[in-house]
C-alpha atoms as a PDB file:
ATOM      1  CA  MET A   1      12.335 122.485  -9.954  1.00  0.00           C
ATOM      2  CA  ASP A   2      11.646 122.412  -6.223  1.00  0.00           C
ATOM      3  CA  GLU A   3      14.505 123.621  -4.033  1.00  0.00           C
ATOM      4  CA  ILE A   4      16.604 120.656  -2.961  1.00  0.00           C
ATOM      5  CA  MET A   5      19.521 119.958  -0.683  1.00  0.00           C
ATOM      6  CA  VAL A   6      22.084 117.333  -1.612  1.00  0.00           C
ATOM      7  CA  ARG A   7      23.878 115.491   1.159  1.00  0.00           C
ATOM      8  CA  GLY A   8      27.636 115.059   1.314  1.00  0.00           C
ATOM      9  CA  PRO A   9      29.649 111.842   1.735  1.00  0.00           C
ATOM     10  CA  LEU A  10      28.067 108.957   3.595  1.00  0.00           C
ATOM     11  CA  MET A  11      28.906 108.970   7.284  1.00  0.00           C
ATOM     12  CA  ALA A  12      28.810 106.023   9.666  1.00  0.00           C
ATOM     13  CA  GLU A  13      25.880 107.556  11.549  1.00  0.00           C
ATOM     14  CA  ASP A  14      23.966 107.927   8.255  1.00  0.00           C
ATOM     15  CA  ILE A  15      24.381 104.241   7.485  1.00  0.00           C
ATOM     16  CA  ASP A  16      23.398 103.261  11.037  1.00  0.00           C
ATOM     17  CA  ALA A  17      20.215 105.354  10.809  1.00  0.00           C
ATOM     18  CA  ALA A  18      19.307 103.870   7.435  1.00  0.00           C
ATOM     19  CA  TRP A  19      19.238 100.219   8.510  1.00  0.00           C
ATOM     20  CA  GLY A  20      15.711 100.532   9.836  1.00  0.00           C
ATOM     21  CA  ASP A  21      14.397 103.004   7.267  1.00  0.00           C
ATOM     22  CA  PRO A  22      14.427 101.874   3.614  1.00  0.00           C
ATOM     23  CA  LYS A  23      13.375 105.285   2.310  1.00  0.00           C
ATOM     24  CA  LEU A  24      16.141 107.059   4.177  1.00  0.00           C
ATOM     25  CA  ALA A  25      18.551 104.432   2.882  1.00  0.00           C
ATOM     26  CA  ASN A  26      17.442 105.157  -0.680  1.00  0.00           C
ATOM     27  CA  ILE A  27      17.932 108.888  -0.203  1.00  0.00           C
ATOM     28  CA  LEU A  28      21.383 108.529   1.361  1.00  0.00           C
ATOM     29  CA  TYR A  29      22.614 105.911  -1.060  1.00  0.00           C
ATOM     30  CA  HIS A  30      21.389 107.596  -4.224  1.00  0.00           C
ATOM     31  CA  ASP A  31      22.429 111.083  -3.125  1.00  0.00           C
ATOM     32  CA  TRP A  32      25.889 109.653  -2.578  1.00  0.00           C
ATOM     33  CA  GLU A  33      25.896 107.989  -6.009  1.00  0.00           C
ATOM     34  CA  ALA A  34      24.345 110.841  -8.004  1.00  0.00           C
ATOM     35  CA  ALA A  35      27.515 112.641  -9.086  1.00  0.00           C
ATOM     36  CA  GLY A  36      29.177 109.551 -10.547  1.00  0.00           C
ATOM     37  CA  TYR A  37      26.116 107.464 -11.382  1.00  0.00           C
ATOM     38  CA  ASP A  38      26.176 107.901 -15.160  1.00  0.00           C
ATOM     39  CA  GLU A  39      29.849 107.038 -15.357  1.00  0.00           C
ATOM     40  CA  LYS A  40      29.445 104.049 -13.033  1.00  0.00           C
ATOM     41  CA  TRP A  41      26.711 102.495 -15.164  1.00  0.00           C
ATOM     42  CA  SER A  42      28.066 103.659 -18.555  1.00  0.00           C
ATOM     43  CA  ILE A  43      24.964 105.803 -19.063  1.00  0.00           C
ATOM     44  CA  SER A  44      25.005 108.183 -21.991  1.00  0.00           C
ATOM     45  CA  TYR A  45      22.503 110.302 -23.889  1.00  0.00           C
ATOM     46  CA  ASP A  46      23.687 109.473 -27.382  1.00  0.00           C
ATOM     47  CA  GLU A  47      22.486 106.907 -29.915  1.00  0.00           C
ATOM     48  CA  ARG A  48      23.817 103.994 -27.861  1.00  0.00           C
ATOM     49  CA  CYS A  49      21.525 104.588 -24.884  1.00  0.00           C
ATOM     50  CA  ILE A  50      18.770 106.204 -26.950  1.00  0.00           C
ATOM     51  CA  GLY A  51      18.572 102.919 -28.825  1.00  0.00           C
ATOM     52  CA  TYR A  52      18.690 100.896 -25.620  1.00  0.00           C
ATOM     53  CA  ALA A  53      15.833 102.853 -24.031  1.00  0.00           C
ATOM     54  CA  ARG A  54      13.744 102.798 -27.216  1.00  0.00           C
ATOM     55  CA  ASP A  55      14.282  99.050 -27.657  1.00  0.00           C
ATOM     56  CA  ARG A  56      13.238  98.302 -24.062  1.00  0.00           C
ATOM     57  CA  PHE A  57      10.069 100.330 -24.569  1.00  0.00           C
ATOM     58  CA  VAL A  58       9.238  98.640 -27.871  1.00  0.00           C
ATOM     59  CA  ALA A  59       9.972  95.180 -26.454  1.00  0.00           C
ATOM     60  CA  ILE A  60       7.220  95.509 -23.863  1.00  0.00           C
ATOM     61  CA  ALA A  61       4.796  98.159 -25.215  1.00  0.00           C
ATOM     62  CA  GLY A  62       5.282  98.280 -28.984  1.00  0.00           C
ATOM     63  CA  ASP A  63       5.722 101.381 -31.108  1.00  0.00           C
ATOM     64  CA  GLU A  64       2.144 102.589 -31.515  1.00  0.00           C
ATOM     65  CA  GLY A  65       0.741 105.769 -29.992  1.00  0.00           C
ATOM     66  CA  TRP A  66       3.930 107.797 -30.259  1.00  0.00           C
ATOM     67  CA  PRO A  67       4.608 110.429 -29.240  1.00  0.00           C
ATOM     68  CA  TYR A  68       3.011 110.391 -25.811  1.00  0.00           C
ATOM     69  CA  ALA A  69       2.241 114.020 -25.052  1.00  0.00           C
ATOM     70  CA  ASP A  70       2.756 114.098 -21.270  1.00  0.00           C
ATOM     71  CA  ALA A  71       4.920 111.622 -19.382  1.00  0.00           C
ATOM     72  CA  VAL A  72       6.427 111.334 -15.929  1.00  0.00           C
ATOM     73  CA  GLU A  73       9.224 109.077 -14.759  1.00  0.00           C
ATOM     74  CA  ILE A  74       9.173 107.654 -11.244  1.00  0.00           C
ATOM     75  CA  GLY A  75      12.505 106.918  -9.601  1.00  0.00           C
ATOM     76  CA  SER A  76      14.180 108.736 -12.456  1.00  0.00           C
ATOM     77  CA  GLY A  77      17.731 108.630 -11.143  1.00  0.00           C
ATOM     78  CA  THR A  78      19.794 110.816 -13.460  1.00  0.00           C
ATOM     79  CA  GLY A  79      17.070 110.748 -16.112  1.00  0.00           C
ATOM     80  CA  PHE A  80      18.441 107.918 -18.225  1.00  0.00           C
ATOM     81  CA  PHE A  81      15.152 106.346 -19.294  1.00  0.00           C
ATOM     82  CA  LEU A  82      12.868 109.340 -19.846  1.00  0.00           C
ATOM     83  CA  LEU A  83      15.464 111.650 -21.411  1.00  0.00           C
ATOM     84  CA  ASN A  84      16.524 109.004 -23.899  1.00  0.00           C
ATOM     85  CA  LEU A  85      12.884 108.164 -24.674  1.00  0.00           C
ATOM     86  CA  MET A  86      12.288 111.853 -25.364  1.00  0.00           C
ATOM     87  CA  GLN A  87      15.248 111.922 -27.726  1.00  0.00           C
ATOM     88  CA  ALA A  88      13.891 108.788 -29.417  1.00  0.00           C
ATOM     89  CA  GLY A  89      10.580 110.533 -30.142  1.00  0.00           C
ATOM     90  CA  VAL A  90       8.535 108.422 -27.727  1.00  0.00           C
ATOM     91  CA  VAL A  91       7.648 111.347 -25.424  1.00  0.00           C
ATOM     92  CA  THR A  92       6.985 115.047 -26.092  1.00  0.00           C
ATOM     93  CA  ARG A  93       6.855 116.626 -22.609  1.00  0.00           C
ATOM     94  CA  GLY A  94       8.542 115.036 -19.628  1.00  0.00           C
ATOM     95  CA  ARG A  95       8.649 115.256 -15.848  1.00  0.00           C
ATOM     96  CA  LEU A  96      11.230 113.636 -13.599  1.00  0.00           C
ATOM     97  CA  THR A  97      10.674 112.482 -10.019  1.00  0.00           C
ATOM     98  CA  ASP A  98      12.920 110.735  -7.518  1.00  0.00           C
ATOM     99  CA  ILE A  99      13.087 110.413  -3.747  1.00  0.00           C
ATOM    100  CA  SER A 100      16.764 111.442  -3.919  1.00  0.00           C
ATOM    101  CA  PRO A 101      17.422 115.194  -4.239  1.00  0.00           C
ATOM    102  CA  GLY A 102      20.860 114.466  -5.651  1.00  0.00           C
ATOM    103  CA  MET A 103      19.417 112.366  -8.440  1.00  0.00           C
ATOM    104  CA  VAL A 104      16.791 114.973  -9.322  1.00  0.00           C
ATOM    105  CA  GLU A 105      19.475 117.643  -9.520  1.00  0.00           C
ATOM    106  CA  ALA A 106      21.606 115.450 -11.798  1.00  0.00           C
ATOM    107  CA  ALA A 107      18.613 114.594 -14.004  1.00  0.00           C
ATOM    108  CA  VAL A 108      17.572 118.225 -14.467  1.00  0.00           C
ATOM    109  CA  ARG A 109      21.164 119.129 -15.258  1.00  0.00           C
ATOM    110  CA  ASN A 110      21.300 116.374 -17.894  1.00  0.00           C
ATOM    111  CA  ALA A 111      18.013 117.572 -19.403  1.00  0.00           C
ATOM    112  CA  ALA A 112      19.280 121.160 -19.639  1.00  0.00           C
ATOM    113  CA  ARG A 113      22.475 119.999 -21.330  1.00  0.00           C
ATOM    114  CA  LEU A 114      20.389 118.113 -23.901  1.00  0.00           C
ATOM    115  CA  GLY A 115      18.119 121.105 -24.499  1.00  0.00           C
ATOM    116  CA  LEU A 116      15.080 119.308 -23.090  1.00  0.00           C
ATOM    117  CA  ASP A 117      12.585 121.351 -21.091  1.00  0.00           C
ATOM    118  CA  VAL A 118      11.884 118.932 -18.256  1.00  0.00           C
ATOM    119  CA  ASP A 119      10.489 119.608 -14.804  1.00  0.00           C
ATOM    120  CA  GLY A 120      12.113 117.776 -11.883  1.00  0.00           C
ATOM    121  CA  ARG A 121      10.634 117.178  -8.444  1.00  0.00           C
ATOM    122  CA  VAL A 122      11.718 115.361  -5.316  1.00  0.00           C
ATOM    123  CA  ALA A 123       8.845 112.937  -4.792  1.00  0.00           C
ATOM    124  CA  ASP A 124       8.007 109.528  -3.418  1.00  0.00           C
ATOM    125  CA  ALA A 125       6.696 106.997  -5.954  1.00  0.00           C
ATOM    126  CA  GLU A 126       3.788 106.329  -3.597  1.00  0.00           C
ATOM    127  CA  SER A 127       2.784 110.024  -3.502  1.00  0.00           C
ATOM    128  CA  LEU A 128       3.228 111.762  -6.842  1.00  0.00           C
ATOM    129  CA  PRO A 129       2.677 115.545  -7.024  1.00  0.00           C
ATOM    130  CA  TYR A 130       0.380 115.412 -10.064  1.00  0.00           C
ATOM    131  CA  ALA A 131      -3.354 115.589 -10.557  1.00  0.00           C
ATOM    132  CA  ASP A 132      -5.618 112.647 -11.256  1.00  0.00           C
ATOM    133  CA  ASP A 133      -5.914 111.677 -14.932  1.00  0.00           C
ATOM    134  CA  SER A 134      -3.133 114.051 -16.014  1.00  0.00           C
ATOM    135  CA  MET A 135      -0.509 111.856 -17.722  1.00  0.00           C
ATOM    136  CA  ASP A 136      -0.476 109.876 -20.934  1.00  0.00           C
ATOM    137  CA  LEU A 137       2.478 107.751 -19.894  1.00  0.00           C
ATOM    138  CA  VAL A 138       4.361 106.812 -16.715  1.00  0.00           C
ATOM    139  CA  VAL A 139       7.768 105.191 -17.045  1.00  0.00           C
ATOM    140  CA  GLY A 140      10.428 103.913 -14.711  1.00  0.00           C
ATOM    141  CA  HIS A 141      13.660 101.967 -14.949  1.00  0.00           C
ATOM    142  CA  ALA A 142      15.004  99.831 -12.079  1.00  0.00           C
ATOM    143  CA  VAL A 143      12.694 101.521  -9.585  1.00  0.00           C
ATOM    144  CA  LEU A 144      10.087  99.075  -8.250  1.00  0.00           C
ATOM    145  CA  HIS A 145      12.644  96.959  -6.418  1.00  0.00           C
ATOM    146  CA  HIS A 146      13.521 100.058  -4.329  1.00  0.00           C
ATOM    147  CA  VAL A 147       9.901 100.859  -3.378  1.00  0.00           C
ATOM    148  CA  PRO A 148       8.777  99.503   0.017  1.00  0.00           C
ATOM    149  CA  ASP A 149       5.115  99.056  -0.982  1.00  0.00           C
ATOM    150  CA  VAL A 150       4.860  98.154  -4.643  1.00  0.00           C
ATOM    151  CA  GLU A 151       1.102  97.809  -5.036  1.00  0.00           C
ATOM    152  CA  PRO A 152       0.300 101.293  -3.583  1.00  0.00           C
ATOM    153  CA  ALA A 153       2.961 102.738  -5.884  1.00  0.00           C
ATOM    154  CA  LEU A 154       1.299 101.094  -8.886  1.00  0.00           C
ATOM    155  CA  ARG A 155      -2.064 102.450  -7.715  1.00  0.00           C
ATOM    156  CA  GLU A 156      -0.505 105.909  -7.622  1.00  0.00           C
ATOM    157  CA  VAL A 157       0.801 105.405 -11.161  1.00  0.00           C
ATOM    158  CA  LEU A 158      -2.702 104.544 -12.307  1.00  0.00           C
ATOM    159  CA  ARG A 159      -4.171 107.526 -10.437  1.00  0.00           C
ATOM    160  CA  VAL A 160      -2.127 110.056 -12.403  1.00  0.00           C
ATOM    161  CA  LEU A 161      -2.640 108.308 -15.744  1.00  0.00           C
ATOM    162  CA  LYS A 162      -5.468 109.358 -18.023  1.00  0.00           C
ATOM    163  CA  PRO A 163      -7.969 106.601 -18.838  1.00  0.00           C
ATOM    164  CA  GLY A 164      -6.291 104.531 -21.518  1.00  0.00           C
ATOM    165  CA  GLY A 165      -2.870 105.811 -20.444  1.00  0.00           C
ATOM    166  CA  ARG A 166       0.012 103.373 -20.223  1.00  0.00           C
ATOM    167  CA  PHE A 167       2.836 102.637 -17.810  1.00  0.00           C
ATOM    168  CA  VAL A 168       6.127 100.999 -18.780  1.00  0.00           C
ATOM    169  CA  LEU A 169       8.477  99.831 -16.030  1.00  0.00           C
ATOM    170  CA  ALA A 170      11.720  98.172 -17.089  1.00  0.00           C
ATOM    171  CA  GLY A 171      14.900  96.876 -15.505  1.00  0.00           C
ATOM    172  CA  GLU A 172      13.410  95.010 -12.539  1.00  0.00           C
ATOM    173  CA  PRO A 173      15.484  92.089 -11.200  1.00  0.00           C
ATOM    174  CA  THR A 174      13.972  88.633 -11.225  1.00  0.00           C
ATOM    175  CA  ARG A 175      14.353  86.426  -8.175  1.00  0.00           C
ATOM    176  CA  TYR A 176      16.695  83.837  -9.687  1.00  0.00           C
ATOM    177  CA  GLY A 177      18.438  86.157 -12.115  1.00  0.00           C
ATOM    178  CA  ASP A 178      19.409  88.398  -9.227  1.00  0.00           C
ATOM    179  CA  VAL A 179      20.988  85.509  -7.293  1.00  0.00           C
ATOM    180  CA  VAL A 180      23.279  84.738 -10.220  1.00  0.00           C
ATOM    181  CA  ALA A 181      24.086  88.417 -10.849  1.00  0.00           C
ATOM    182  CA  ARG A 182      25.067  89.082  -7.237  1.00  0.00           C
ATOM    183  CA  ARG A 183      27.286  86.026  -7.032  1.00  0.00           C
ATOM    184  CA  LEU A 184      29.044  86.920 -10.272  1.00  0.00           C
ATOM    185  CA  SER A 185      29.488  90.510  -9.076  1.00  0.00           C
ATOM    186  CA  ARG A 186      30.937  89.488  -5.716  1.00  0.00           C
ATOM    187  CA  LEU A 187      33.353  87.078  -7.363  1.00  0.00           C
ATOM    188  CA  THR A 188      34.458  89.728  -9.866  1.00  0.00           C
ATOM    189  CA  TRP A 189      34.961  92.385  -7.165  1.00  0.00           C
ATOM    190  CA  TRP A 190      36.948  89.970  -4.985  1.00  0.00           C
ATOM    191  CA  SER A 191      39.138  88.888  -7.909  1.00  0.00           C
ATOM    192  CA  VAL A 192      39.847  92.344  -9.356  1.00  0.00           C
ATOM    193  CA  THR A 193      40.604  94.058  -6.041  1.00  0.00           C
ATOM    194  CA  ARG A 194      43.106  91.326  -5.202  1.00  0.00           C
ATOM    195  CA  VAL A 195      44.765  90.915  -8.585  1.00  0.00           C
ATOM    196  CA  THR A 196      45.352  94.669  -8.853  1.00  0.00           C
ATOM    197  CA  ARG A 197      47.378  94.549  -5.636  1.00  0.00           C
ATOM    198  CA  LEU A 198      50.162  92.917  -7.626  1.00  0.00           C
ATOM    199  CA  PRO A 199      52.976  95.429  -8.286  1.00  0.00           C
ATOM    200  CA  VAL A 200      52.797  94.950 -12.035  1.00  0.00           C
ATOM    201  CA  LEU A 201      49.090  95.943 -11.976  1.00  0.00           C
ATOM    202  CA  SER A 202      49.245  98.630  -9.301  1.00  0.00           C
ATOM    203  CA  SER A 203      48.154 101.341 -11.753  1.00  0.00           C
ATOM    204  CA  TRP A 204      44.832  99.478 -12.072  1.00  0.00           C
ATOM    205  CA  GLN A 205      44.105  99.585  -8.339  1.00  0.00           C
ATOM    206  CA  ARG A 206      41.590 102.108  -7.094  1.00  0.00           C
ATOM    207  CA  PRO A 207      42.700 104.175  -4.085  1.00  0.00           C
ATOM    208  CA  GLN A 208      41.869 102.438  -0.820  1.00  0.00           C
ATOM    209  CA  ARG A 209      39.722 105.387   0.286  1.00  0.00           C
ATOM    210  CA  GLU A 210      37.456 104.907  -2.744  1.00  0.00           C
ATOM    211  CA  LEU A 211      37.278 101.164  -2.162  1.00  0.00           C
ATOM    212  CA  ASP A 212      36.312 101.765   1.466  1.00  0.00           C
ATOM    213  CA  GLU A 213      33.602 104.252   0.425  1.00  0.00           C
ATOM    214  CA  SER A 214      32.227 101.793  -2.105  1.00  0.00           C
ATOM    215  CA  SER A 215      32.138  99.038   0.489  1.00  0.00           C
ATOM    216  CA  ALA A 216      30.326 101.267   3.000  1.00  0.00           C
ATOM    217  CA  ALA A 217      27.724 102.329   0.447  1.00  0.00           C
ATOM    218  CA  ALA A 218      27.349  98.790  -0.874  1.00  0.00           C
ATOM    219  CA  ALA A 219      26.407  97.724   2.639  1.00  0.00           C
ATOM    220  CA  LEU A 220      23.230  99.777   2.217  1.00  0.00           C
ATOM    221  CA  GLU A 221      22.172  97.689  -0.761  1.00  0.00           C
ATOM    222  CA  THR A 222      20.671  95.162   1.620  1.00  0.00           C
ATOM    223  CA  VAL A 223      18.293  97.952   2.687  1.00  0.00           C
ATOM    224  CA  VAL A 224      17.966  99.764  -0.650  1.00  0.00           C
ATOM    225  CA  ASP A 225      17.292  96.703  -2.813  1.00  0.00           C
ATOM    226  CA  LEU A 226      14.036  95.551  -1.275  1.00  0.00           C
ATOM    227  CA  HIS A 227      12.574  93.159  -3.812  1.00  0.00           C
ATOM    228  CA  THR A 228      13.229  90.708  -6.553  1.00  0.00           C
ATOM    229  CA  PHE A 229      10.296  89.558  -8.633  1.00  0.00           C
ATOM    230  CA  ALA A 230       8.925  86.396 -10.074  1.00  0.00           C
ATOM    231  CA  PRO A 231       7.246  87.418 -13.359  1.00  0.00           C
ATOM    232  CA  ALA A 232       3.914  86.033 -12.151  1.00  0.00           C
ATOM    233  CA  ARG A 233       4.100  88.210  -9.034  1.00  0.00           C
ATOM    234  CA  LEU A 234       4.572  91.356 -11.125  1.00  0.00           C
ATOM    235  CA  ARG A 235       1.486  90.451 -13.126  1.00  0.00           C
ATOM    236  CA  ARG A 236      -0.550  89.924  -9.937  1.00  0.00           C
ATOM    237  CA  LEU A 237       0.611  93.236  -8.451  1.00  0.00           C
ATOM    238  CA  ALA A 238      -0.335  95.162 -11.588  1.00  0.00           C
ATOM    239  CA  HIS A 239      -3.760  93.521 -11.785  1.00  0.00           C
ATOM    240  CA  ALA A 240      -4.358  94.097  -8.065  1.00  0.00           C
ATOM    241  CA  ALA A 241      -3.563  97.792  -8.529  1.00  0.00           C
ATOM    242  CA  GLY A 242      -6.288  98.004 -11.179  1.00  0.00           C
ATOM    243  CA  ALA A 243      -4.358  97.812 -14.450  1.00  0.00           C
ATOM    244  CA  VAL A 244      -5.609  96.059 -17.567  1.00  0.00           C
ATOM    245  CA  ASP A 245      -3.749  94.730 -20.610  1.00  0.00           C
ATOM    246  CA  VAL A 246      -0.894  93.753 -18.301  1.00  0.00           C
ATOM    247  CA  VAL A 247       2.164  92.211 -19.929  1.00  0.00           C
ATOM    248  CA  VAL A 248       5.411  91.040 -18.316  1.00  0.00           C
ATOM    249  CA  ARG A 249       8.439  89.941 -20.306  1.00  0.00           C
ATOM    250  CA  THR A 250      11.941  89.026 -19.234  1.00  0.00           C
ATOM    251  CA  GLU A 251      15.299  89.431 -20.946  1.00  0.00           C
ATOM    252  CA  GLU A 252      19.049  89.064 -20.347  1.00  0.00           C
ATOM    253  CA  LEU A 253      20.217  85.537 -19.637  1.00  0.00           C
ATOM    254  CA  THR A 254      23.724  85.195 -21.061  1.00  0.00           C
ATOM    255  CA  ALA A 255      23.739  88.985 -21.521  1.00  0.00           C
ATOM    256  CA  GLY A 256      23.270  89.310 -17.758  1.00  0.00           C
ATOM    257  CA  TRP A 257      25.964  86.745 -17.022  1.00  0.00           C
ATOM    258  CA  PHE A 258      28.317  88.880 -19.114  1.00  0.00           C
ATOM    259  CA  GLY A 259      27.032  92.316 -18.131  1.00  0.00           C
ATOM    260  CA  TRP A 260      27.201  92.103 -14.349  1.00  0.00           C
ATOM    261  CA  PRO A 261      30.878  91.077 -14.145  1.00  0.00           C
ATOM    262  CA  VAL A 262      31.685  93.787 -16.693  1.00  0.00           C
ATOM    263  CA  ARG A 263      29.909  96.466 -14.660  1.00  0.00           C
ATOM    264  CA  THR A 264      31.598  95.301 -11.477  1.00  0.00           C
ATOM    265  CA  PHE A 265      35.004  95.298 -13.159  1.00  0.00           C
ATOM    266  CA  GLU A 266      34.405  98.859 -14.325  1.00  0.00           C
ATOM    267  CA  CYS A 267      33.617  99.905 -10.747  1.00  0.00           C
ATOM    268  CA  ALA A 268      36.664  98.137  -9.332  1.00  0.00           C
ATOM    269  CA  VAL A 269      39.299  99.928 -11.430  1.00  0.00           C
ATOM    270  CA  PRO A 270      40.180 103.645 -11.459  1.00  0.00           C
ATOM    271  CA  ALA A 271      37.804 105.995 -13.254  1.00  0.00           C
ATOM    272  CA  GLY A 272      39.068 106.801 -16.734  1.00  0.00           C
ATOM    273  CA  LYS A 273      41.231 103.687 -16.983  1.00  0.00           C
ATOM    274  CA  LEU A 274      38.882 102.130 -19.507  1.00  0.00           C
ATOM    275  CA  GLY A 275      38.264 104.090 -22.678  1.00  0.00           C
ATOM    276  CA  LEU A 276      35.698 104.277 -25.451  1.00  0.00           C
ATOM    277  CA  GLY A 277      37.033 101.121 -27.060  1.00  0.00           C
ATOM    278  CA  TRP A 278      36.236  99.118 -23.953  1.00  0.00           C
ATOM    279  CA  ALA A 279      32.772 100.688 -23.689  1.00  0.00           C
ATOM    280  CA  MET A 280      31.923  99.780 -27.277  1.00  0.00           C
ATOM    281  CA  PHE A 281      33.274  96.241 -26.854  1.00  0.00           C
ATOM    282  CA  ALA A 282      31.165  95.739 -23.748  1.00  0.00           C
ATOM    283  CA  TYR A 283      28.036  97.202 -25.328  1.00  0.00           C
ATOM    284  CA  ARG A 284      28.314  95.283 -28.623  1.00  0.00           C
ATOM    285  CA  THR A 285      28.996  92.017 -26.819  1.00  0.00           C
ATOM    286  CA  TRP A 286      25.976  92.642 -24.594  1.00  0.00           C
ATOM    287  CA  GLN A 287      23.888  93.359 -27.718  1.00  0.00           C
ATOM    288  CA  ARG A 288      24.952  90.133 -29.412  1.00  0.00           C
ATOM    289  CA  LEU A 289      24.244  88.060 -26.331  1.00  0.00           C
ATOM    290  CA  SER A 290      20.867  89.781 -25.891  1.00  0.00           C
ATOM    291  CA  THR A 291      19.975  88.783 -29.446  1.00  0.00           C
ATOM    292  CA  VAL A 292      20.903  85.179 -28.711  1.00  0.00           C
ATOM    293  CA  ASP A 293      18.858  85.295 -25.510  1.00  0.00           C
ATOM    294  CA  SER A 294      15.834  86.665 -27.353  1.00  0.00           C
ATOM    295  CA  LYS A 295      15.954  84.459 -30.439  1.00  0.00           C
ATOM    296  CA  VAL A 296      17.231  81.213 -28.944  1.00  0.00           C
ATOM    297  CA  PHE A 297      17.116  80.842 -25.165  1.00  0.00           C
ATOM    298  CA  SER A 298      13.751  82.531 -24.668  1.00  0.00           C
ATOM    299  CA  ARG A 299      12.177  79.625 -26.552  1.00  0.00           C
ATOM    300  CA  PHE A 300      12.960  77.039 -23.889  1.00  0.00           C
ATOM    301  CA  VAL A 301      14.528  78.682 -20.794  1.00  0.00           C
ATOM    302  CA  PRO A 302      11.925  79.555 -18.105  1.00  0.00           C
ATOM    303  CA  GLU A 303      11.220  83.295 -18.019  1.00  0.00           C
ATOM    304  CA  GLY A 304      12.096  83.567 -14.340  1.00  0.00           C
ATOM    305  CA  LEU A 305      15.744  82.675 -14.998  1.00  0.00           C
ATOM    306  CA  PHE A 306      16.349  85.776 -17.106  1.00  0.00           C
ATOM    307  CA  TYR A 307      17.654  88.779 -15.168  1.00  0.00           C
ATOM    308  CA  ASN A 308      15.502  91.739 -16.250  1.00  0.00           C
ATOM    309  CA  ALA A 309      11.721  91.972 -16.064  1.00  0.00           C
ATOM    310  CA  LEU A 310       9.702  94.528 -18.043  1.00  0.00           C
ATOM    311  CA  LEU A 311       6.136  95.401 -17.099  1.00  0.00           C
ATOM    312  CA  THR A 312       3.420  97.353 -18.864  1.00  0.00           C
ATOM    313  CA  GLY A 313      -0.257  97.946 -18.303  1.00  0.00           C
ATOM    314  CA  VAL A 314      -3.066 100.373 -19.078  1.00  0.00           C
ATOM    315  CA  LYS A 315      -5.462 102.386 -16.941  1.00  0.00           C
ATOM    316  CA  PRO A 316      -8.964 101.188 -17.760  1.00  0.00           C
ATOM    317  CA  ALA A 317     -11.533 103.567 -19.146  1.00  0.00           C
ATOM    318  CA  PRO A 318     -14.428 104.339 -16.785  1.00  0.00           C
ATOM    319  CA  ALA A 319     -17.381 102.028 -17.108  1.00  0.00           C
ATOM    320  CA  ALA A 320     -20.190 103.285 -19.324  1.00  0.00           C
ATOM    321  CA  PRO A 321     -23.229 104.469 -17.327  1.00  0.00           C
ATOM    322  CA  LEU A 322     -26.188 102.122 -17.230  1.00  0.00           C
ATOM    323  CA  GLN A 323     -28.996 103.097 -19.535  1.00  0.00           C
END
């Protein structure tokens, strides 16, 4: 792994500098979040999240062609998507990239703990440190909405893919789904932080210092979260970048309405207050609602109202020479 330097707590001058620089904002914000990111988002590397990652992949790209020999993840964060896909047997050899040094460090540490030999590099999604035609698969989870220029990033993905290689990008917020999610999250945060001020619930209140830090970092989300996507726009971007066999699907309607308040509630109370029982309740409820979304609501609810978009495409083979 390249030598990296991880920044400390966010300072006011850091936030001020980031307002006009989305890439700096992403580095600052995600460096700050790296240490507690897995806990914040209930990320694990056991069967629960292995199954989640595998199911997202299958939902958009199917289960043929496994294992992909060489894969790279863009915007890897702590490695959630690629490391769990490797454990699921989807990928043999993996590489992790992220613009945040803190996230790369956390991802490599997670890989080592799992016994996975994975290379990690600090890299911009629009400038990947790999040769042309070198990868069988490129993956990413919740990354495109952080990238300032999406089409050049997709062109870079196609550059490093071998002809016939595939990309799978999951977890991208839709335009209307994101509006609902943010409103539900704000309402949940407002309600929990006020209710826990009551003396009888004081043990459920996070220390004010942590609440202040969260509020300061959350202010950067207006710079860090750059895009939401209509499904049709994702298709156009992938085609414009040169991909073929492009497919976009959306998921999480009622599951999103449930999941976002749950995640916000988990962030608003002290770490460790909620145990395994809560985690399993939240996950199983999300699973059941996702099944209802897939089998019932997807039949008549417009795709753009679902929260998550998944995108896949293939690098075309070179044209046969004229005879």
